[in-house]
Each structure stands twice: as C-alpha cells, then as structure tokens.
Amino acid sequence: MSAHPSHLAVRHEGGMTIVVITRAAMMDPEYLRAVAEELEELGRDLEEPWIVVDLECVEFLASPALGTLLVAHRDLEARGGGLRLANVRRGVRAVLELVNVPKLIPIFDSVAAAVHGNHV
C-alpha cells in the first residue's frame, strides 16, 4: 500500500479483509477519493479479493460514496471477489435500498455474518 496515511482501519478475519470506515459522514470529496484509492490498492494486493466494509460508524452516505463502493465492488468482481457491507445503520440502509444497492452488494447485520456469508 502507499505511504500516505490510511483513511481505513483494516484487519483480516476468517480469510476475508475487513475495512472499517471510521468517519460518520462519507461525503467529503477528498476523503472519498482517498478511500477509493485505498480500496483499489487493497483489492489489487489481495490474494482473495473479498472485502467486508464495516459501516457501523457511518451516519450519512452521500451519492459519491455510493459510487465509490460500487466501483470497488465492480473491480473486485472482475477478480472473482466483491464487497460485502456490514453493520449498516437504519438510515444509511434505507438510502442503499432506495437505489437498489443490495441487489449488487450484499448487506449483512454483522461483520461475522458477512465473513461467513449469512445474508440479512
């Protein structure tokens, strides 16, 4: 990964990479650009291209953030993997459902459920 400071908390669990978004609002264009770059780098470096994105801290998701997640998912899918979303707050989940994101990126109640593939 690059030398710039990380905007994501990353760990590994059950053969998957867990990425924790630590900001309450995913709306700042500079932050989203940095997150997109880190997800892209992380996806390239993974032998198993599956990433669980933990959104527990996220209270607001702007439309460019949706694009960031969808592009990351598409790139991982091209390598045989994909994104899984976990710990999504009710308001954020409503936005995701409104634009049909769950049809593309599965949503799970917890990181553990996402790691084991147990859909909501």
PDB file of N, CA and C in Angstrom:
ATOM      1  N   MET A   1       0.845  -1.190   0.000  1.00  0.00           N
ATOM      2  CA  MET A   1       0.000   0.000   0.000  1.00  0.00           C
ATOM      3  C   MET A   1       0.881   1.242   0.000  1.00  0.00           C
ATOM      4  N   SER A   2       0.303   2.366  -0.313  1.00  0.00           N
ATOM      5  CA  SER A   2       1.066   3.595  -0.434  1.00  0.00           C
ATOM      6  C   SER A   2       1.489   4.137   0.926  1.00  0.00           C
ATOM      7  N   ALA A   3       2.352   5.150   0.869  1.00  0.00           N
ATOM      8  CA  ALA A   3       2.906   5.712   2.094  1.00  0.00           C
ATOM      9  C   ALA A   3       1.988   6.748   2.745  1.00  0.00           C
ATOM     10  N   HIS A   4       0.926   7.169   2.055  1.00  0.00           N
ATOM     11  CA  HIS A   4       0.046   8.178   2.658  1.00  0.00           C
ATOM     12  C   HIS A   4      -0.722   7.582   3.828  1.00  0.00           C
ATOM     13  N   PRO A   5      -1.162   8.438   4.756  1.00  0.00           N
ATOM     14  CA  PRO A   5      -1.881   7.920   5.920  1.00  0.00           C
ATOM     15  C   PRO A   5      -3.172   7.223   5.497  1.00  0.00           C
ATOM     16  N   SER A   6      -3.487   6.163   6.190  1.00  0.00           N
ATOM     17  CA  SER A   6      -4.674   5.388   5.856  1.00  0.00           C
ATOM     18  C   SER A   6      -5.941   6.077   6.352  1.00  0.00           C
ATOM     19  N   HIS A   7      -6.974   6.022   5.536  1.00  0.00           N
ATOM     20  CA  HIS A   7      -8.292   6.538   5.904  1.00  0.00           C
ATOM     21  C   HIS A   7      -9.210   5.399   6.318  1.00  0.00           C
ATOM     22  N   LEU A   8      -8.659   4.193   6.325  1.00  0.00           N
ATOM     23  CA  LEU A   8      -9.418   2.994   6.640  1.00  0.00           C
ATOM     24  C   LEU A   8      -8.711   2.201   7.722  1.00  0.00           C
ATOM     25  N   ALA A   9      -9.488   1.572   8.587  1.00  0.00           N
ATOM     26  CA  ALA A   9      -8.922   0.618   9.545  1.00  0.00           C
ATOM     27  C   ALA A   9      -9.087  -0.756   8.899  1.00  0.00           C
ATOM     28  N   VAL A  10      -7.982  -1.470   8.723  1.00  0.00           N
ATOM     29  CA  VAL A  10      -8.006  -2.745   8.006  1.00  0.00           C
ATOM     30  C   VAL A  10      -7.531  -3.864   8.915  1.00  0.00           C
ATOM     31  N   ARG A  11      -8.269  -4.989   8.858  1.00  0.00           N
ATOM     32  CA  ARG A  11      -7.848  -6.186   9.579  1.00  0.00           C
ATOM     33  C   ARG A  11      -8.276  -7.395   8.760  1.00  0.00           C
ATOM     34  N   HIS A  12      -7.842  -8.562   9.164  1.00  0.00           N
ATOM     35  CA  HIS A  12      -8.195  -9.793   8.456  1.00  0.00           C
ATOM     36  C   HIS A  12      -8.896 -10.736   9.420  1.00  0.00           C
ATOM     37  N   GLU A  13      -9.949 -11.376   8.912  1.00  0.00           N
ATOM     38  CA  GLU A  13     -10.754 -12.268   9.752  1.00  0.00           C
ATOM     39  C   GLU A  13     -11.382 -13.339   8.864  1.00  0.00           C
ATOM     40  N   GLY A  14     -11.216 -14.584   9.234  1.00  0.00           N
ATOM     41  CA  GLY A  14     -11.860 -15.683   8.516  1.00  0.00           C
ATOM     42  C   GLY A  14     -11.549 -15.725   7.036  1.00  0.00           C
ATOM     43  N   GLY A  15     -10.329 -15.353   6.664  1.00  0.00           N
ATOM     44  CA  GLY A  15      -9.945 -15.373   5.260  1.00  0.00           C
ATOM     45  C   GLY A  15     -10.431 -14.181   4.456  1.00  0.00           C
ATOM     46  N   MET A  16     -11.050 -13.205   5.120  1.00  0.00           N
ATOM     47  CA  MET A  16     -11.526 -12.009   4.424  1.00  0.00           C
ATOM     48  C   MET A  16     -10.846 -10.773   4.998  1.00  0.00           C
ATOM     49  N   THR A  17     -10.804  -9.744   4.191  1.00  0.00           N
ATOM     50  CA  THR A  17     -10.276  -8.464   4.637  1.00  0.00           C
ATOM     51  C   THR A  17     -11.443  -7.610   5.111  1.00  0.00           C
ATOM     52  N   ILE A  18     -11.308  -7.072   6.314  1.00  0.00           N
ATOM     53  CA  ILE A  18     -12.346  -6.222   6.900  1.00  0.00           C
ATOM     54  C   ILE A  18     -11.838  -4.787   6.859  1.00  0.00           C
ATOM     55  N   VAL A  19     -12.638  -3.907   6.284  1.00  0.00           N
ATOM     56  CA  VAL A  19     -12.300  -2.492   6.192  1.00  0.00           C
ATOM     57  C   VAL A  19     -13.342  -1.725   6.997  1.00  0.00           C
ATOM     58  N   VAL A  20     -12.883  -0.965   7.966  1.00  0.00           N
ATOM     59  CA  VAL A  20     -13.793  -0.175   8.799  1.00  0.00           C
ATOM     60  C   VAL A  20     -13.718   1.283   8.354  1.00  0.00           C
ATOM     61  N   ILE A  21     -14.864   1.818   7.962  1.00  0.00           N
ATOM     62  CA  ILE A  21     -14.961   3.245   7.647  1.00  0.00           C
ATOM     63  C   ILE A  21     -15.145   3.952   8.984  1.00  0.00           C
ATOM     64  N   THR A  22     -14.227   4.846   9.317  1.00  0.00           N
ATOM     65  CA  THR A  22     -14.216   5.437  10.655  1.00  0.00           C
ATOM     66  C   THR A  22     -14.848   6.826  10.733  1.00  0.00           C
ATOM     67  N   ARG A  23     -15.302   7.358   9.621  1.00  0.00           N
ATOM     68  CA  ARG A  23     -15.960   8.665   9.633  1.00  0.00           C
ATOM     69  C   ARG A  23     -17.468   8.504   9.680  1.00  0.00           C
ATOM     70  N   ALA A  24     -18.125   9.422  10.373  1.00  0.00           N
ATOM     71  CA  ALA A  24     -19.589   9.374  10.477  1.00  0.00           C
ATOM     72  C   ALA A  24     -20.259   9.772   9.168  1.00  0.00           C
ATOM     73  N   ALA A  25     -19.625  10.662   8.408  1.00  0.00           N
ATOM     74  CA  ALA A  25     -20.208  11.121   7.144  1.00  0.00           C
ATOM     75  C   ALA A  25     -19.255  10.826   5.996  1.00  0.00           C
ATOM     76  N   MET A  26     -19.755  10.106   5.017  1.00  0.00           N
ATOM     77  CA  MET A  26     -18.973   9.828   3.814  1.00  0.00           C
ATOM     78  C   MET A  26     -19.460  10.776   2.731  1.00  0.00           C
ATOM     79  N   MET A  27     -18.907  12.004   2.754  1.00  0.00           N
ATOM     80  CA  MET A  27     -19.373  12.993   1.798  1.00  0.00           C
ATOM     81  C   MET A  27     -18.272  13.902   1.280  1.00  0.00           C
ATOM     82  N   ASP A  28     -17.185  14.054   1.999  1.00  0.00           N
ATOM     83  CA  ASP A  28     -16.101  14.930   1.582  1.00  0.00           C
ATOM     84  C   ASP A  28     -15.403  14.335   0.359  1.00  0.00           C
ATOM     85  N   PRO A  29     -15.362  15.067  -0.766  1.00  0.00           N
ATOM     86  CA  PRO A  29     -14.772  14.523  -1.991  1.00  0.00           C
ATOM     87  C   PRO A  29     -13.318  14.065  -1.831  1.00  0.00           C
ATOM     88  N   GLU A  30     -12.533  14.817  -1.076  1.00  0.00           N
ATOM     89  CA  GLU A  30     -11.129  14.438  -0.873  1.00  0.00           C
ATOM     90  C   GLU A  30     -11.032  13.126  -0.086  1.00  0.00           C
ATOM     91  N   TYR A  31     -11.840  12.999   0.945  1.00  0.00           N
ATOM     92  CA  TYR A  31     -11.866  11.762   1.737  1.00  0.00           C
ATOM     93  C   TYR A  31     -12.316  10.587   0.869  1.00  0.00           C
ATOM     94  N   LEU A  32     -13.373  10.776   0.084  1.00  0.00           N
ATOM     95  CA  LEU A  32     -13.873   9.699  -0.771  1.00  0.00           C
ATOM     96  C   LEU A  32     -12.837   9.281  -1.805  1.00  0.00           C
ATOM     97  N   ARG A  33     -12.113  10.240  -2.345  1.00  0.00           N
ATOM     98  CA  ARG A  33     -11.052   9.931  -3.307  1.00  0.00           C
ATOM     99  C   ARG A  33      -9.974   9.081  -2.645  1.00  0.00           C
ATOM    100  N   ALA A  34      -9.598   9.456  -1.423  1.00  0.00           N
ATOM    101  CA  ALA A  34      -8.583   8.696  -0.689  1.00  0.00           C
ATOM    102  C   ALA A  34      -9.074   7.283  -0.371  1.00  0.00           C
ATOM    103  N   VAL A  35     -10.334   7.164   0.041  1.00  0.00           N
ATOM    104  CA  VAL A  35     -10.914   5.844   0.334  1.00  0.00           C
ATOM    105  C   VAL A  35     -10.931   4.995  -0.933  1.00  0.00           C
ATOM    106  N   ALA A  36     -11.342   5.589  -2.051  1.00  0.00           N
ATOM    107  CA  ALA A  36     -11.387   4.855  -3.323  1.00  0.00           C
ATOM    108  C   ALA A  36     -10.000   4.348  -3.701  1.00  0.00           C
ATOM    109  N   GLU A  37      -8.987   5.198  -3.544  1.00  0.00           N
ATOM    110  CA  GLU A  37      -7.614   4.793  -3.864  1.00  0.00           C
ATOM    111  C   GLU A  37      -7.156   3.656  -2.960  1.00  0.00           C
ATOM    112  N   GLU A  38      -7.460   3.761  -1.673  1.00  0.00           N
ATOM    113  CA  GLU A  38      -7.045   2.712  -0.739  1.00  0.00           C
ATOM    114  C   GLU A  38      -7.760   1.399  -1.017  1.00  0.00           C
ATOM    115  N   LEU A  39      -9.053   1.457  -1.321  1.00  0.00           N
ATOM    116  CA  LEU A  39      -9.783   0.230  -1.653  1.00  0.00           C
ATOM    117  C   LEU A  39      -9.218  -0.405  -2.922  1.00  0.00           C
ATOM    118  N   GLU A  40      -8.884   0.436  -3.902  1.00  0.00           N
ATOM    119  CA  GLU A  40      -8.307  -0.080  -5.148  1.00  0.00           C
ATOM    120  C   GLU A  40      -6.963  -0.757  -4.888  1.00  0.00           C
ATOM    121  N   GLU A  41      -6.099  -0.092  -4.129  1.00  0.00           N
ATOM    122  CA  GLU A  41      -4.793  -0.667  -3.791  1.00  0.00           C
ATOM    123  C   GLU A  41      -4.951  -1.963  -3.009  1.00  0.00           C
ATOM    124  N   LEU A  42      -5.822  -1.932  -2.038  1.00  0.00           N
ATOM    125  CA  LEU A  42      -6.053  -3.106  -1.202  1.00  0.00           C
ATOM    126  C   LEU A  42      -6.559  -4.268  -2.054  1.00  0.00           C
ATOM    127  N   GLY A  43      -7.519  -4.000  -2.924  1.00  0.00           N
ATOM    128  CA  GLY A  43      -8.068  -5.027  -3.800  1.00  0.00           C
ATOM    129  C   GLY A  43      -7.026  -5.639  -4.710  1.00  0.00           C
ATOM    130  N   ARG A  44      -6.113  -4.813  -5.206  1.00  0.00           N
ATOM    131  CA  ARG A  44      -5.037  -5.322  -6.076  1.00  0.00           C
ATOM    132  C   ARG A  44      -4.089  -6.227  -5.322  1.00  0.00           C
ATOM    133  N   ASP A  45      -3.863  -5.928  -4.054  1.00  0.00           N
ATOM    134  CA  ASP A  45      -2.882  -6.666  -3.258  1.00  0.00           C
ATOM    135  C   ASP A  45      -3.428  -7.959  -2.659  1.00  0.00           C
ATOM    136  N   LEU A  46      -4.734  -8.142  -2.681  1.00  0.00           N
ATOM    137  CA  LEU A  46      -5.333  -9.307  -2.022  1.00  0.00           C
ATOM    138  C   LEU A  46      -5.283 -10.554  -2.893  1.00  0.00           C
ATOM    139  N   GLU A  47      -4.889 -11.658  -2.281  1.00  0.00           N
ATOM    140  CA  GLU A  47      -4.945 -12.939  -2.978  1.00  0.00           C
ATOM    141  C   GLU A  47      -6.406 -13.373  -3.122  1.00  0.00           C
ATOM    142  N   GLU A  48      -7.179 -13.193  -2.058  1.00  0.00           N
ATOM    143  CA  GLU A  48      -8.621 -13.460  -2.067  1.00  0.00           C
ATOM    144  C   GLU A  48      -9.318 -12.101  -2.132  1.00  0.00           C
ATOM    145  N   PRO A  49      -9.861 -11.728  -3.299  1.00  0.00           N
ATOM    146  CA  PRO A  49     -10.377 -10.365  -3.475  1.00  0.00           C
ATOM    147  C   PRO A  49     -11.770 -10.120  -2.887  1.00  0.00           C
ATOM    148  N   TRP A  50     -11.941 -10.439  -1.611  1.00  0.00           N
ATOM    149  CA  TRP A  50     -13.199 -10.187  -0.905  1.00  0.00           C
ATOM    150  C   TRP A  50     -12.948  -9.189   0.213  1.00  0.00           C
ATOM    151  N   ILE A  51     -13.755  -8.148   0.258  1.00  0.00           N
ATOM    152  CA  ILE A  51     -13.624  -7.130   1.299  1.00  0.00           C
ATOM    153  C   ILE A  51     -14.984  -6.917   1.958  1.00  0.00           C
ATOM    154  N   VAL A  52     -14.996  -6.974   3.282  1.00  0.00           N
ATOM    155  CA  VAL A  52     -16.179  -6.610   4.059  1.00  0.00           C
ATOM    156  C   VAL A  52     -15.979  -5.167   4.501  1.00  0.00           C
ATOM    157  N   VAL A  53     -16.912  -4.302   4.157  1.00  0.00           N
ATOM    158  CA  VAL A  53     -16.843  -2.901   4.567  1.00  0.00           C
ATOM    159  C   VAL A  53     -17.782  -2.722   5.756  1.00  0.00           C
ATOM    160  N   ASP A  54     -17.192  -2.417   6.913  1.00  0.00           N
ATOM    161  CA  ASP A  54     -17.947  -2.207   8.148  1.00  0.00           C
ATOM    162  C   ASP A  54     -18.368  -0.741   8.204  1.00  0.00           C
ATOM    163  N   LEU A  55     -19.670  -0.502   8.108  1.00  0.00           N
ATOM    164  CA  LEU A  55     -20.212   0.862   8.079  1.00  0.00           C
ATOM    165  C   LEU A  55     -20.835   1.291   9.405  1.00  0.00           C
ATOM    166  N   GLU A  56     -20.483   0.614  10.484  1.00  0.00           N
ATOM    167  CA  GLU A  56     -21.097   0.906  11.780  1.00  0.00           C
ATOM    168  C   GLU A  56     -20.983   2.376  12.185  1.00  0.00           C
ATOM    169  N   CYS A  57     -19.879   3.024  11.886  1.00  0.00           N
ATOM    170  CA  CYS A  57     -19.669   4.423  12.279  1.00  0.00           C
ATOM    171  C   CYS A  57     -20.365   5.412  11.347  1.00  0.00           C
ATOM    172  N   VAL A  58     -20.769   4.951  10.176  1.00  0.00           N
ATOM    173  CA  VAL A  58     -21.290   5.856   9.148  1.00  0.00           C
ATOM    174  C   VAL A  58     -22.754   6.199   9.414  1.00  0.00           C
ATOM    175  N   GLU A  59     -23.015   7.502   9.548  1.00  0.00           N
ATOM    176  CA  GLU A  59     -24.372   8.004   9.771  1.00  0.00           C
ATOM    177  C   GLU A  59     -24.964   8.636   8.520  1.00  0.00           C
ATOM    178  N   PHE A  60     -24.092   9.042   7.584  1.00  0.00           N
ATOM    179  CA  PHE A  60     -24.548   9.701   6.361  1.00  0.00           C
ATOM    180  C   PHE A  60     -23.681   9.260   5.202  1.00  0.00           C
ATOM    181  N   LEU A  61     -24.333   8.939   4.094  1.00  0.00           N
ATOM    182  CA  LEU A  61     -23.645   8.457   2.904  1.00  0.00           C
ATOM    183  C   LEU A  61     -24.101   9.304   1.723  1.00  0.00           C
ATOM    184  N   ALA A  62     -23.218  10.146   1.186  1.00  0.00           N
ATOM    185  CA  ALA A  62     -23.557  10.962   0.021  1.00  0.00           C
ATOM    186  C   ALA A  62     -23.500  10.102  -1.241  1.00  0.00           C
ATOM    187  N   SER A  63     -24.152  10.560  -2.299  1.00  0.00           N
ATOM    188  CA  SER A  63     -24.193   9.766  -3.528  1.00  0.00           C
ATOM    189  C   SER A  63     -22.809   9.446  -4.095  1.00  0.00           C
ATOM    190  N   PRO A  64     -21.808  10.340  -4.004  1.00  0.00           N
ATOM    191  CA  PRO A  64     -20.479   9.943  -4.484  1.00  0.00           C
ATOM    192  C   PRO A  64     -19.895   8.761  -3.698  1.00  0.00           C
ATOM    193  N   ALA A  65     -20.291   8.620  -2.435  1.00  0.00           N
ATOM    194  CA  ALA A  65     -19.826   7.476  -1.640  1.00  0.00           C
ATOM    195  C   ALA A  65     -20.407   6.179  -2.189  1.00  0.00           C
ATOM    196  N   LEU A  66     -21.651   6.227  -2.654  1.00  0.00           N
ATOM    197  CA  LEU A  66     -22.251   5.055  -3.292  1.00  0.00           C
ATOM    198  C   LEU A  66     -21.432   4.655  -4.507  1.00  0.00           C
ATOM    199  N   GLY A  67     -21.039   5.651  -5.288  1.00  0.00           N
ATOM    200  CA  GLY A  67     -20.207   5.381  -6.463  1.00  0.00           C
ATOM    201  C   GLY A  67     -18.885   4.744  -6.084  1.00  0.00           C
ATOM    202  N   THR A  68     -18.281   5.227  -5.008  1.00  0.00           N
ATOM    203  CA  THR A  68     -17.014   4.664  -4.531  1.00  0.00           C
ATOM    204  C   THR A  68     -17.178   3.186  -4.200  1.00  0.00           C
ATOM    205  N   LEU A  69     -18.246   2.849  -3.487  1.00  0.00           N
ATOM    206  CA  LEU A  69     -18.488   1.452  -3.114  1.00  0.00           C
ATOM    207  C   LEU A  69     -18.795   0.592  -4.336  1.00  0.00           C
ATOM    208  N   LEU A  70     -19.597   1.114  -5.256  1.00  0.00           N
ATOM    209  CA  LEU A  70     -19.962   0.345  -6.446  1.00  0.00           C
ATOM    210  C   LEU A  70     -18.759   0.089  -7.353  1.00  0.00           C
ATOM    211  N   VAL A  71     -17.895   1.083  -7.513  1.00  0.00           N
ATOM    212  CA  VAL A  71     -16.691   0.898  -8.334  1.00  0.00           C
ATOM    213  C   VAL A  71     -15.765  -0.124  -7.686  1.00  0.00           C
ATOM    214  N   ALA A  72     -15.586  -0.032  -6.378  1.00  0.00           N
ATOM    215  CA  ALA A  72     -14.735  -1.005  -5.678  1.00  0.00           C
ATOM    216  C   ALA A  72     -15.296  -2.414  -5.841  1.00  0.00           C
ATOM    217  N   HIS A  73     -16.614  -2.553  -5.719  1.00  0.00           N
ATOM    218  CA  HIS A  73     -17.249  -3.867  -5.882  1.00  0.00           C
ATOM    219  C   HIS A  73     -17.029  -4.400  -7.296  1.00  0.00           C
ATOM    220  N   ARG A  74     -17.243  -3.554  -8.286  1.00  0.00           N
ATOM    221  CA  ARG A  74     -17.052  -3.958  -9.691  1.00  0.00           C
ATOM    222  C   ARG A  74     -15.617  -4.421  -9.939  1.00  0.00           C
ATOM    223  N   ASP A  75     -14.651  -3.666  -9.419  1.00  0.00           N
ATOM    224  CA  ASP A  75     -13.245  -4.028  -9.606  1.00  0.00           C
ATOM    225  C   ASP A  75     -12.920  -5.361  -8.940  1.00  0.00           C
ATOM    226  N   LEU A  76     -13.455  -5.578  -7.741  1.00  0.00           N
ATOM    227  CA  LEU A  76     -13.221  -6.846  -7.041  1.00  0.00           C
ATOM    228  C   LEU A  76     -13.929  -7.999  -7.749  1.00  0.00           C
ATOM    229  N   GLU A  77     -15.118  -7.748  -8.263  1.00  0.00           N
ATOM    230  CA  GLU A  77     -15.849  -8.785  -9.011  1.00  0.00           C
ATOM    231  C   GLU A  77     -15.058  -9.234 -10.232  1.00  0.00           C
ATOM    232  N   ALA A  78     -14.390  -8.292 -10.874  1.00  0.00           N
ATOM    233  CA  ALA A  78     -13.584  -8.619 -12.056  1.00  0.00           C
ATOM    234  C   ALA A  78     -12.448  -9.578 -11.708  1.00  0.00           C
ATOM    235  N   ARG A  79     -12.069  -9.610 -10.437  1.00  0.00           N
ATOM    236  CA  ARG A  79     -11.009 -10.515  -9.971  1.00  0.00           C
ATOM    237  C   ARG A  79     -11.579 -11.748  -9.271  1.00  0.00           C
ATOM    238  N   GLY A  80     -12.902 -11.929  -9.343  1.00  0.00           N
ATOM    239  CA  GLY A  80     -13.527 -13.105  -8.749  1.00  0.00           C
ATOM    240  C   GLY A  80     -13.985 -12.925  -7.317  1.00  0.00           C
ATOM    241  N   GLY A  81     -14.048 -11.689  -6.844  1.00  0.00           N
ATOM    242  CA  GLY A  81     -14.465 -11.418  -5.467  1.00  0.00           C
ATOM    243  C   GLY A  81     -15.594 -10.412  -5.424  1.00  0.00           C
ATOM    244  N   GLY A  82     -15.530  -9.517  -4.437  1.00  0.00           N
ATOM    245  CA  GLY A  82     -16.545  -8.484  -4.310  1.00  0.00           C
ATOM    246  C   GLY A  82     -16.549  -7.867  -2.931  1.00  0.00           C
ATOM    247  N   LEU A  83     -17.421  -6.899  -2.758  1.00  0.00           N
ATOM    248  CA  LEU A  83     -17.622  -6.252  -1.461  1.00  0.00           C
ATOM    249  C   LEU A  83     -18.805  -6.891  -0.758  1.00  0.00           C
ATOM    250  N   ARG A  84     -18.787  -6.800   0.550  1.00  0.00           N
ATOM    251  CA  ARG A  84     -19.931  -7.114   1.397  1.00  0.00           C
ATOM    252  C   ARG A  84     -20.021  -5.975   2.395  1.00  0.00           C
ATOM    253  N   LEU A  85     -21.214  -5.486   2.650  1.00  0.00           N
ATOM    254  CA  LEU A  85     -21.408  -4.396   3.604  1.00  0.00           C
ATOM    255  C   LEU A  85     -21.938  -4.968   4.907  1.00  0.00           C
ATOM    256  N   ALA A  86     -21.450  -4.431   6.025  1.00  0.00           N
ATOM    257  CA  ALA A  86     -21.855  -4.932   7.341  1.00  0.00           C
ATOM    258  C   ALA A  86     -22.130  -3.773   8.292  1.00  0.00           C
ATOM    259  N   ASN A  87     -22.951  -4.059   9.309  1.00  0.00           N
ATOM    260  CA  ASN A  87     -23.252  -3.091  10.373  1.00  0.00           C
ATOM    261  C   ASN A  87     -23.789  -1.773   9.823  1.00  0.00           C
ATOM    262  N   VAL A  88     -24.696  -1.867   8.883  1.00  0.00           N
ATOM    263  CA  VAL A  88     -25.235  -0.671   8.231  1.00  0.00           C
ATOM    264  C   VAL A  88     -26.375  -0.103   9.076  1.00  0.00           C
ATOM    265  N   ARG A  89     -26.253   1.164   9.456  1.00  0.00           N
ATOM    266  CA  ARG A  89     -27.292   1.830  10.246  1.00  0.00           C
ATOM    267  C   ARG A  89     -28.588   1.956   9.446  1.00  0.00           C
ATOM    268  N   ARG A  90     -29.685   2.053  10.151  1.00  0.00           N
ATOM    269  CA  ARG A  90     -31.014   2.073   9.530  1.00  0.00           C
ATOM    270  C   ARG A  90     -31.140   3.155   8.445  1.00  0.00           C
ATOM    271  N   GLY A  91     -30.734   4.388   8.748  1.00  0.00           N
ATOM    272  CA  GLY A  91     -30.860   5.477   7.777  1.00  0.00           C
ATOM    273  C   GLY A  91     -30.006   5.269   6.540  1.00  0.00           C
ATOM    274  N   VAL A  92     -28.800   4.791   6.743  1.00  0.00           N
ATOM    275  CA  VAL A  92     -27.901   4.512   5.622  1.00  0.00           C
ATOM    276  C   VAL A  92     -28.460   3.350   4.802  1.00  0.00           C
ATOM    277  N   ARG A  93     -28.951   2.346   5.491  1.00  0.00           N
ATOM    278  CA  ARG A  93     -29.531   1.184   4.802  1.00  0.00           C
ATOM    279  C   ARG A  93     -30.724   1.604   3.935  1.00  0.00           C
ATOM    280  N   ALA A  94     -31.547   2.524   4.450  1.00  0.00           N
ATOM    281  CA  ALA A  94     -32.702   3.000   3.678  1.00  0.00           C
ATOM    282  C   ALA A  94     -32.248   3.644   2.372  1.00  0.00           C
ATOM    283  N   VAL A  95     -31.179   4.430   2.434  1.00  0.00           N
ATOM    284  CA  VAL A  95     -30.634   5.060   1.225  1.00  0.00           C
ATOM    285  C   VAL A  95     -30.124   3.991   0.263  1.00  0.00           C
ATOM    286  N   LEU A  96     -29.386   3.012   0.780  1.00  0.00           N
ATOM    287  CA  LEU A  96     -28.856   1.941  -0.062  1.00  0.00           C
ATOM    288  C   LEU A  96     -29.984   1.164  -0.733  1.00  0.00           C
ATOM    289  N   GLU A  97     -31.039   0.888   0.022  1.00  0.00           N
ATOM    290  CA  GLU A  97     -32.169   0.140  -0.531  1.00  0.00           C
ATOM    291  C   GLU A  97     -32.938   0.965  -1.560  1.00  0.00           C
ATOM    292  N   LEU A  98     -33.028   2.268  -1.332  1.00  0.00           N
ATOM    293  CA  LEU A  98     -33.737   3.154  -2.255  1.00  0.00           C
ATOM    294  C   LEU A  98     -33.128   3.103  -3.655  1.00  0.00           C
ATOM    295  N   VAL A  99     -31.814   2.969  -3.721  1.00  0.00           N
ATOM    296  CA  VAL A  99     -31.128   2.939  -5.022  1.00  0.00           C
ATOM    297  C   VAL A  99     -30.695   1.522  -5.411  1.00  0.00           C
ATOM    298  N   ASN A 100     -31.283   0.526  -4.757  1.00  0.00           N
ATOM    299  CA  ASN A 100     -31.089  -0.887  -5.105  1.00  0.00           C
ATOM    300  C   ASN A 100     -29.659  -1.409  -4.963  1.00  0.00           C
ATOM    301  N   VAL A 101     -28.864  -0.803  -4.106  1.00  0.00           N
ATOM    302  CA  VAL A 101     -27.503  -1.293  -3.887  1.00  0.00           C
ATOM    303  C   VAL A 101     -27.484  -2.748  -3.418  1.00  0.00           C
ATOM    304  N   PRO A 102     -28.412  -3.189  -2.535  1.00  0.00           N
ATOM    305  CA  PRO A 102     -28.354  -4.586  -2.081  1.00  0.00           C
ATOM    306  C   PRO A 102     -28.490  -5.626  -3.198  1.00  0.00           C
ATOM    307  N   LYS A 103     -29.010  -5.230  -4.356  1.00  0.00           N
ATOM    308  CA  LYS A 103     -29.069  -6.159  -5.490  1.00  0.00           C
ATOM    309  C   LYS A 103     -27.678  -6.409  -6.059  1.00  0.00           C
ATOM    310  N   LEU A 104     -26.757  -5.480  -5.813  1.00  0.00           N
ATOM    311  CA  LEU A 104     -25.391  -5.594  -6.325  1.00  0.00           C
ATOM    312  C   LEU A 104     -24.396  -5.984  -5.243  1.00  0.00           C
ATOM    313  N   ILE A 105     -24.538  -5.360  -4.081  1.00  0.00           N
ATOM    314  CA  ILE A 105     -23.613  -5.597  -2.971  1.00  0.00           C
ATOM    315  C   ILE A 105     -24.425  -6.103  -1.786  1.00  0.00           C
ATOM    316  N   PRO A 106     -24.159  -7.323  -1.336  1.00  0.00           N
ATOM    317  CA  PRO A 106     -24.942  -7.853  -0.215  1.00  0.00           C
ATOM    318  C   PRO A 106     -24.694  -7.097   1.089  1.00  0.00           C
ATOM    319  N   ILE A 107     -25.754  -6.988   1.893  1.00  0.00           N
ATOM    320  CA  ILE A 107     -25.690  -6.325   3.193  1.00  0.00           C
ATOM    321  C   ILE A 107     -25.905  -7.368   4.284  1.00  0.00           C
ATOM    322  N   PHE A 108     -25.090  -7.287   5.334  1.00  0.00           N
ATOM    323  CA  PHE A 108     -25.147  -8.227   6.449  1.00  0.00           C
ATOM    324  C   PHE A 108     -25.315  -7.464   7.754  1.00  0.00           C
ATOM    325  N   ASP A 109     -25.929  -8.123   8.746  1.00  0.00           N
ATOM    326  CA  ASP A 109     -26.142  -7.496  10.053  1.00  0.00           C
ATOM    327  C   ASP A 109     -24.848  -7.265  10.815  1.00  0.00           C
ATOM    328  N   SER A 110     -23.845  -8.101  10.570  1.00  0.00           N
ATOM    329  CA  SER A 110     -22.593  -8.004  11.324  1.00  0.00           C
ATOM    330  C   SER A 110     -21.424  -8.403  10.440  1.00  0.00           C
ATOM    331  N   VAL A 111     -20.233  -8.068  10.901  1.00  0.00           N
ATOM    332  CA  VAL A 111     -19.024  -8.485  10.194  1.00  0.00           C
ATOM    333  C   VAL A 111     -18.937 -10.006  10.183  1.00  0.00           C
ATOM    334  N   ALA A 112     -19.247 -10.633  11.313  1.00  0.00           N
ATOM    335  CA  ALA A 112     -19.183 -12.100  11.382  1.00  0.00           C
ATOM    336  C   ALA A 112     -20.110 -12.734  10.352  1.00  0.00           C
ATOM    337  N   ALA A 113     -21.324 -12.210  10.216  1.00  0.00           N
ATOM    338  CA  ALA A 113     -22.264 -12.745   9.224  1.00  0.00           C
ATOM    339  C   ALA A 113     -21.731 -12.539   7.810  1.00  0.00           C
ATOM    340  N   ALA A 114     -21.115 -11.385   7.560  1.00  0.00           N
ATOM    341  CA  ALA A 114     -20.552 -11.110   6.236  1.00  0.00           C
ATOM    342  C   ALA A 114     -19.393 -12.046   5.922  1.00  0.00           C
ATOM    343  N   VAL A 115     -18.555 -12.298   6.909  1.00  0.00           N
ATOM    344  CA  VAL A 115     -17.415 -13.199   6.717  1.00  0.00           C
ATOM    345  C   VAL A 115     -17.905 -14.596   6.369  1.00  0.00           C
ATOM    346  N   HIS A 116     -18.979 -15.019   7.017  1.00  0.00           N
ATOM    347  CA  HIS A 116     -19.496 -16.375   6.803  1.00  0.00           C
ATOM    348  C   HIS A 116     -20.566 -16.438   5.720  1.00  0.00           C
ATOM    349  N   GLY A 117     -20.922 -15.275   5.147  1.00  0.00           N
ATOM    350  CA  GLY A 117     -21.869 -15.246   4.042  1.00  0.00           C
ATOM    351  C   GLY A 117     -23.319 -15.425   4.420  1.00  0.00           C
ATOM    352  N   ASN A 118     -23.665 -15.139   5.674  1.00  0.00           N
ATOM    353  CA  ASN A 118     -25.050 -15.279   6.137  1.00  0.00           C
ATOM    354  C   ASN A 118     -25.810 -13.981   5.899  1.00  0.00           C
ATOM    355  N   HIS A 119     -26.562 -13.931   4.806  1.00  0.00           N
ATOM    356  CA  HIS A 119     -27.316 -12.720   4.438  1.00  0.00           C
ATOM    357  C   HIS A 119     -28.331 -12.336   5.495  1.00  0.00           C
ATOM    358  N   VAL A 120     -28.672 -11.048   5.466  1.00  0.00           N
ATOM    359  CA  VAL A 120     -29.695 -10.488   6.348  1.00  0.00           C
ATOM    360  C   VAL A 120     -31.036 -11.062   5.952  1.00  0.00           C
TER     361      VAL A 120
END
